[in-house]
């Protein structure tokens, strides 16, 4: 199940961002789901992260137009826990 990101809630019990399970086991990749957002934020995050030389890839998807949910995935050139924490 997804893991809530610390400090990312608008009201008790409602997470705005979650770290997806697969990214917990791979130290060179991260996947986040951000609720109540769209292309505006996602494309900005993608652009900024791709400017960082430590990031090998960053992209996003919106699973369905009716859902206000953005999935952001990134891969790092090497193990970068500190970089991941700064980005998100």
N, C-alpha and C. Protein backbone atom coordinates (compact mmCIF):
# COMPACT_ATOMS: atom_id res chain seq x y z
N UNK A 1 0.84 -1.19 0.00
CA UNK A 1 0.00 0.00 0.00
C UNK A 1 0.88 1.24 0.00
N UNK A 2 0.39 2.36 -0.50
CA UNK A 2 1.18 3.58 -0.55
C UNK A 2 1.53 4.08 0.85
N UNK A 3 2.63 4.78 0.94
CA UNK A 3 3.07 5.36 2.20
C UNK A 3 2.83 6.86 2.16
N UNK A 4 2.13 7.44 3.17
CA UNK A 4 1.92 8.88 3.15
C UNK A 4 3.24 9.63 3.30
N UNK A 5 3.34 10.76 2.65
CA UNK A 5 4.52 11.61 2.75
C UNK A 5 4.31 12.53 3.94
N UNK A 6 5.31 12.64 4.81
CA UNK A 6 5.19 13.48 6.00
C UNK A 6 4.85 14.92 5.64
N UNK A 7 3.93 15.48 6.41
CA UNK A 7 3.58 16.88 6.23
C UNK A 7 2.75 17.16 4.99
N UNK A 8 2.22 16.14 4.37
CA UNK A 8 1.47 16.34 3.14
C UNK A 8 0.01 15.98 3.33
N UNK A 9 -0.68 16.75 4.16
CA UNK A 9 -2.10 16.51 4.37
C UNK A 9 -2.83 17.84 4.53
N UNK A 10 -4.01 17.92 3.96
CA UNK A 10 -4.79 19.14 4.09
C UNK A 10 -5.72 19.08 5.28
N UNK A 11 -6.14 17.89 5.66
CA UNK A 11 -6.98 17.70 6.83
C UNK A 11 -6.65 16.34 7.43
N UNK A 12 -6.97 16.13 8.70
CA UNK A 12 -6.64 14.85 9.34
C UNK A 12 -7.21 13.67 8.55
N UNK A 13 -6.34 12.69 8.29
CA UNK A 13 -6.77 11.49 7.60
C UNK A 13 -6.82 11.59 6.09
N UNK A 14 -6.54 12.75 5.51
CA UNK A 14 -6.59 12.91 4.06
C UNK A 14 -5.20 13.29 3.55
N UNK A 15 -4.52 12.33 2.89
CA UNK A 15 -3.19 12.60 2.35
C UNK A 15 -3.29 13.30 1.00
N UNK A 16 -2.38 14.23 0.78
CA UNK A 16 -2.29 14.92 -0.50
C UNK A 16 -1.28 14.21 -1.39
N UNK A 17 -0.23 13.66 -0.78
CA UNK A 17 0.81 12.97 -1.55
C UNK A 17 1.14 11.65 -0.89
N UNK A 18 1.41 10.64 -1.70
CA UNK A 18 1.83 9.34 -1.19
C UNK A 18 3.00 8.84 -2.00
N UNK A 19 3.91 8.12 -1.32
CA UNK A 19 5.03 7.48 -2.00
C UNK A 19 4.60 6.07 -2.33
N UNK A 20 4.67 5.69 -3.58
CA UNK A 20 4.20 4.38 -4.00
C UNK A 20 5.12 3.28 -3.49
N UNK A 21 4.58 2.11 -3.24
CA UNK A 21 5.30 1.00 -2.62
C UNK A 21 6.56 0.59 -3.37
N UNK A 22 6.51 0.49 -4.68
CA UNK A 22 7.66 0.04 -5.45
C UNK A 22 8.89 0.91 -5.27
N UNK A 23 8.70 2.19 -5.00
CA UNK A 23 9.83 3.08 -4.87
C UNK A 23 10.51 2.97 -3.51
N UNK A 24 9.88 2.33 -2.55
CA UNK A 24 10.47 2.17 -1.23
C UNK A 24 11.63 1.19 -1.28
N UNK A 25 11.55 0.19 -2.14
CA UNK A 25 12.58 -0.85 -2.20
C UNK A 25 13.72 -0.51 -3.16
N UNK A 26 13.55 0.44 -4.04
CA UNK A 26 14.58 0.81 -5.02
C UNK A 26 15.11 2.19 -4.66
N UNK A 27 16.38 2.24 -4.25
CA UNK A 27 16.96 3.50 -3.80
C UNK A 27 17.31 4.46 -4.93
N UNK A 28 17.18 4.03 -6.18
CA UNK A 28 17.49 4.92 -7.29
C UNK A 28 16.24 5.39 -8.02
N UNK A 29 15.07 5.12 -7.47
CA UNK A 29 13.83 5.52 -8.13
C UNK A 29 12.79 5.95 -7.10
N UNK A 30 11.94 6.86 -7.50
CA UNK A 30 10.84 7.31 -6.65
C UNK A 30 9.59 7.45 -7.49
N UNK A 31 8.47 7.10 -6.89
CA UNK A 31 7.17 7.31 -7.51
C UNK A 31 6.24 7.91 -6.47
N UNK A 32 5.62 9.01 -6.83
CA UNK A 32 4.71 9.70 -5.93
C UNK A 32 3.38 9.91 -6.61
N UNK A 33 2.32 9.85 -5.83
CA UNK A 33 0.99 10.22 -6.30
C UNK A 33 0.60 11.49 -5.55
N UNK A 34 0.18 12.49 -6.28
CA UNK A 34 -0.23 13.75 -5.68
C UNK A 34 -1.70 13.96 -6.02
N UNK A 35 -2.51 14.11 -4.99
CA UNK A 35 -3.95 14.26 -5.17
C UNK A 35 -4.30 15.73 -5.42
N UNK A 36 -5.42 15.94 -6.09
CA UNK A 36 -5.98 17.27 -6.34
C UNK A 36 -5.03 18.17 -7.15
N UNK A 37 -4.26 17.58 -8.05
CA UNK A 37 -3.37 18.36 -8.93
C UNK A 37 -3.56 17.90 -10.37
N UNK A 38 -2.99 18.69 -11.29
CA UNK A 38 -3.15 18.38 -12.70
C UNK A 38 -1.85 18.66 -13.44
N UNK A 39 -1.93 18.85 -14.76
CA UNK A 39 -0.75 19.06 -15.60
C UNK A 39 0.07 20.28 -15.18
N UNK A 40 -0.56 21.29 -14.62
CA UNK A 40 0.15 22.52 -14.26
C UNK A 40 1.29 22.24 -13.30
N UNK A 41 1.00 21.60 -12.19
CA UNK A 41 2.05 21.27 -11.22
C UNK A 41 2.95 20.17 -11.75
N UNK A 42 2.37 19.13 -12.31
CA UNK A 42 3.15 17.97 -12.75
C UNK A 42 4.20 18.34 -13.79
N UNK A 43 3.84 19.14 -14.77
CA UNK A 43 4.80 19.51 -15.80
C UNK A 43 5.90 20.40 -15.23
N UNK A 44 5.56 21.26 -14.28
CA UNK A 44 6.57 22.11 -13.64
C UNK A 44 7.56 21.27 -12.85
N UNK A 45 7.06 20.31 -12.08
CA UNK A 45 7.93 19.42 -11.30
C UNK A 45 8.82 18.61 -12.24
N UNK A 46 8.24 18.06 -13.30
CA UNK A 46 9.01 17.28 -14.27
C UNK A 46 10.13 18.12 -14.88
N UNK A 47 9.81 19.34 -15.28
CA UNK A 47 10.81 20.21 -15.91
C UNK A 47 11.96 20.52 -14.95
N UNK A 48 11.63 20.90 -13.72
CA UNK A 48 12.67 21.27 -12.75
C UNK A 48 13.54 20.07 -12.41
N UNK A 49 12.94 18.91 -12.18
CA UNK A 49 13.73 17.73 -11.82
C UNK A 49 14.64 17.29 -12.97
N UNK A 50 14.17 17.39 -14.20
CA UNK A 50 15.01 17.01 -15.33
C UNK A 50 16.18 17.96 -15.56
N UNK A 51 16.18 19.12 -14.94
CA UNK A 51 17.31 20.05 -15.03
C UNK A 51 18.46 19.63 -14.12
N UNK A 52 18.17 18.80 -13.12
CA UNK A 52 19.18 18.35 -12.16
C UNK A 52 20.02 17.23 -12.78
N UNK A 53 21.35 17.36 -12.83
CA UNK A 53 22.18 16.33 -13.45
C UNK A 53 22.15 14.99 -12.72
N UNK A 54 21.71 14.97 -11.47
CA UNK A 54 21.62 13.71 -10.72
C UNK A 54 20.38 12.90 -11.11
N UNK A 55 19.46 13.52 -11.82
CA UNK A 55 18.22 12.85 -12.22
C UNK A 55 18.38 12.30 -13.63
N UNK A 56 18.21 11.00 -13.79
CA UNK A 56 18.32 10.37 -15.10
C UNK A 56 17.02 10.52 -15.88
N UNK A 57 15.90 10.48 -15.19
CA UNK A 57 14.60 10.56 -15.85
C UNK A 57 13.56 11.04 -14.85
N UNK A 58 12.64 11.86 -15.31
CA UNK A 58 11.47 12.23 -14.52
C UNK A 58 10.31 12.43 -15.48
N UNK A 59 9.20 11.81 -15.18
CA UNK A 59 8.01 11.95 -16.00
C UNK A 59 6.77 11.87 -15.13
N UNK A 60 5.64 12.17 -15.73
CA UNK A 60 4.40 12.08 -14.97
C UNK A 60 3.29 11.53 -15.84
N UNK A 61 2.25 11.07 -15.18
CA UNK A 61 1.05 10.61 -15.88
C UNK A 61 -0.17 10.97 -15.04
N UNK A 62 -1.28 11.12 -15.73
CA UNK A 62 -2.56 11.33 -15.08
C UNK A 62 -3.40 10.12 -15.48
N UNK A 63 -3.72 9.24 -14.52
CA UNK A 63 -4.38 7.98 -14.85
C UNK A 63 -5.69 8.13 -15.62
N UNK A 64 -6.49 9.12 -15.27
CA UNK A 64 -7.78 9.32 -15.94
C UNK A 64 -8.16 10.80 -15.82
N UNK A 65 -8.68 11.40 -16.88
CA UNK A 65 -9.02 12.83 -16.83
C UNK A 65 -10.02 13.20 -15.73
N UNK A 66 -10.85 12.26 -15.32
CA UNK A 66 -11.83 12.55 -14.27
C UNK A 66 -11.21 12.52 -12.87
N UNK A 67 -10.02 11.94 -12.74
CA UNK A 67 -9.35 11.88 -11.45
C UNK A 67 -8.39 13.05 -11.30
N UNK A 68 -8.44 13.72 -10.17
CA UNK A 68 -7.48 14.79 -9.90
C UNK A 68 -6.28 14.18 -9.18
N UNK A 69 -5.55 13.35 -9.91
CA UNK A 69 -4.41 12.64 -9.35
C UNK A 69 -3.29 12.65 -10.38
N UNK A 70 -2.09 12.93 -9.91
CA UNK A 70 -0.91 12.95 -10.76
C UNK A 70 0.09 11.93 -10.22
N UNK A 71 0.65 11.10 -11.07
CA UNK A 71 1.71 10.18 -10.70
C UNK A 71 3.02 10.72 -11.26
N UNK A 72 3.99 10.93 -10.40
CA UNK A 72 5.30 11.43 -10.82
C UNK A 72 6.34 10.36 -10.52
N UNK A 73 7.12 9.99 -11.52
CA UNK A 73 8.16 8.98 -11.36
C UNK A 73 9.50 9.57 -11.74
N UNK A 74 10.54 9.20 -10.99
CA UNK A 74 11.88 9.69 -11.31
C UNK A 74 12.90 8.60 -11.02
N UNK A 75 13.95 8.60 -11.81
CA UNK A 75 15.09 7.70 -11.64
C UNK A 75 16.33 8.54 -11.47
N UNK A 76 17.22 8.08 -10.60
CA UNK A 76 18.44 8.81 -10.30
C UNK A 76 19.64 8.07 -10.86
N UNK A 77 20.68 8.81 -11.15
CA UNK A 77 21.88 8.21 -11.73
C UNK A 77 22.62 7.33 -10.72
N UNK A 78 22.43 7.57 -9.44
CA UNK A 78 23.03 6.78 -8.37
C UNK A 78 22.19 6.98 -7.12
N UNK A 79 22.50 6.25 -6.08
CA UNK A 79 21.74 6.30 -4.83
C UNK A 79 21.72 7.73 -4.29
N UNK A 80 20.53 8.28 -4.12
CA UNK A 80 20.41 9.67 -3.69
C UNK A 80 19.23 9.88 -2.75
N UNK A 81 19.29 9.36 -1.54
CA UNK A 81 18.20 9.57 -0.59
C UNK A 81 18.02 11.04 -0.29
N UNK A 82 19.12 11.77 -0.09
CA UNK A 82 19.03 13.20 0.21
C UNK A 82 18.41 13.96 -0.96
N UNK A 83 18.76 13.62 -2.18
CA UNK A 83 18.18 14.28 -3.36
C UNK A 83 16.69 14.02 -3.42
N UNK A 84 16.27 12.79 -3.17
CA UNK A 84 14.85 12.47 -3.19
C UNK A 84 14.09 13.28 -2.16
N UNK A 85 14.63 13.41 -0.97
CA UNK A 85 13.95 14.16 0.08
C UNK A 85 13.84 15.63 -0.27
N UNK A 86 14.86 16.21 -0.88
CA UNK A 86 14.81 17.61 -1.27
C UNK A 86 13.79 17.86 -2.36
N UNK A 87 13.66 16.91 -3.29
CA UNK A 87 12.76 17.09 -4.42
C UNK A 87 11.31 17.06 -4.01
N UNK A 88 10.99 16.21 -3.06
CA UNK A 88 9.59 16.05 -2.68
C UNK A 88 9.42 16.41 -1.25
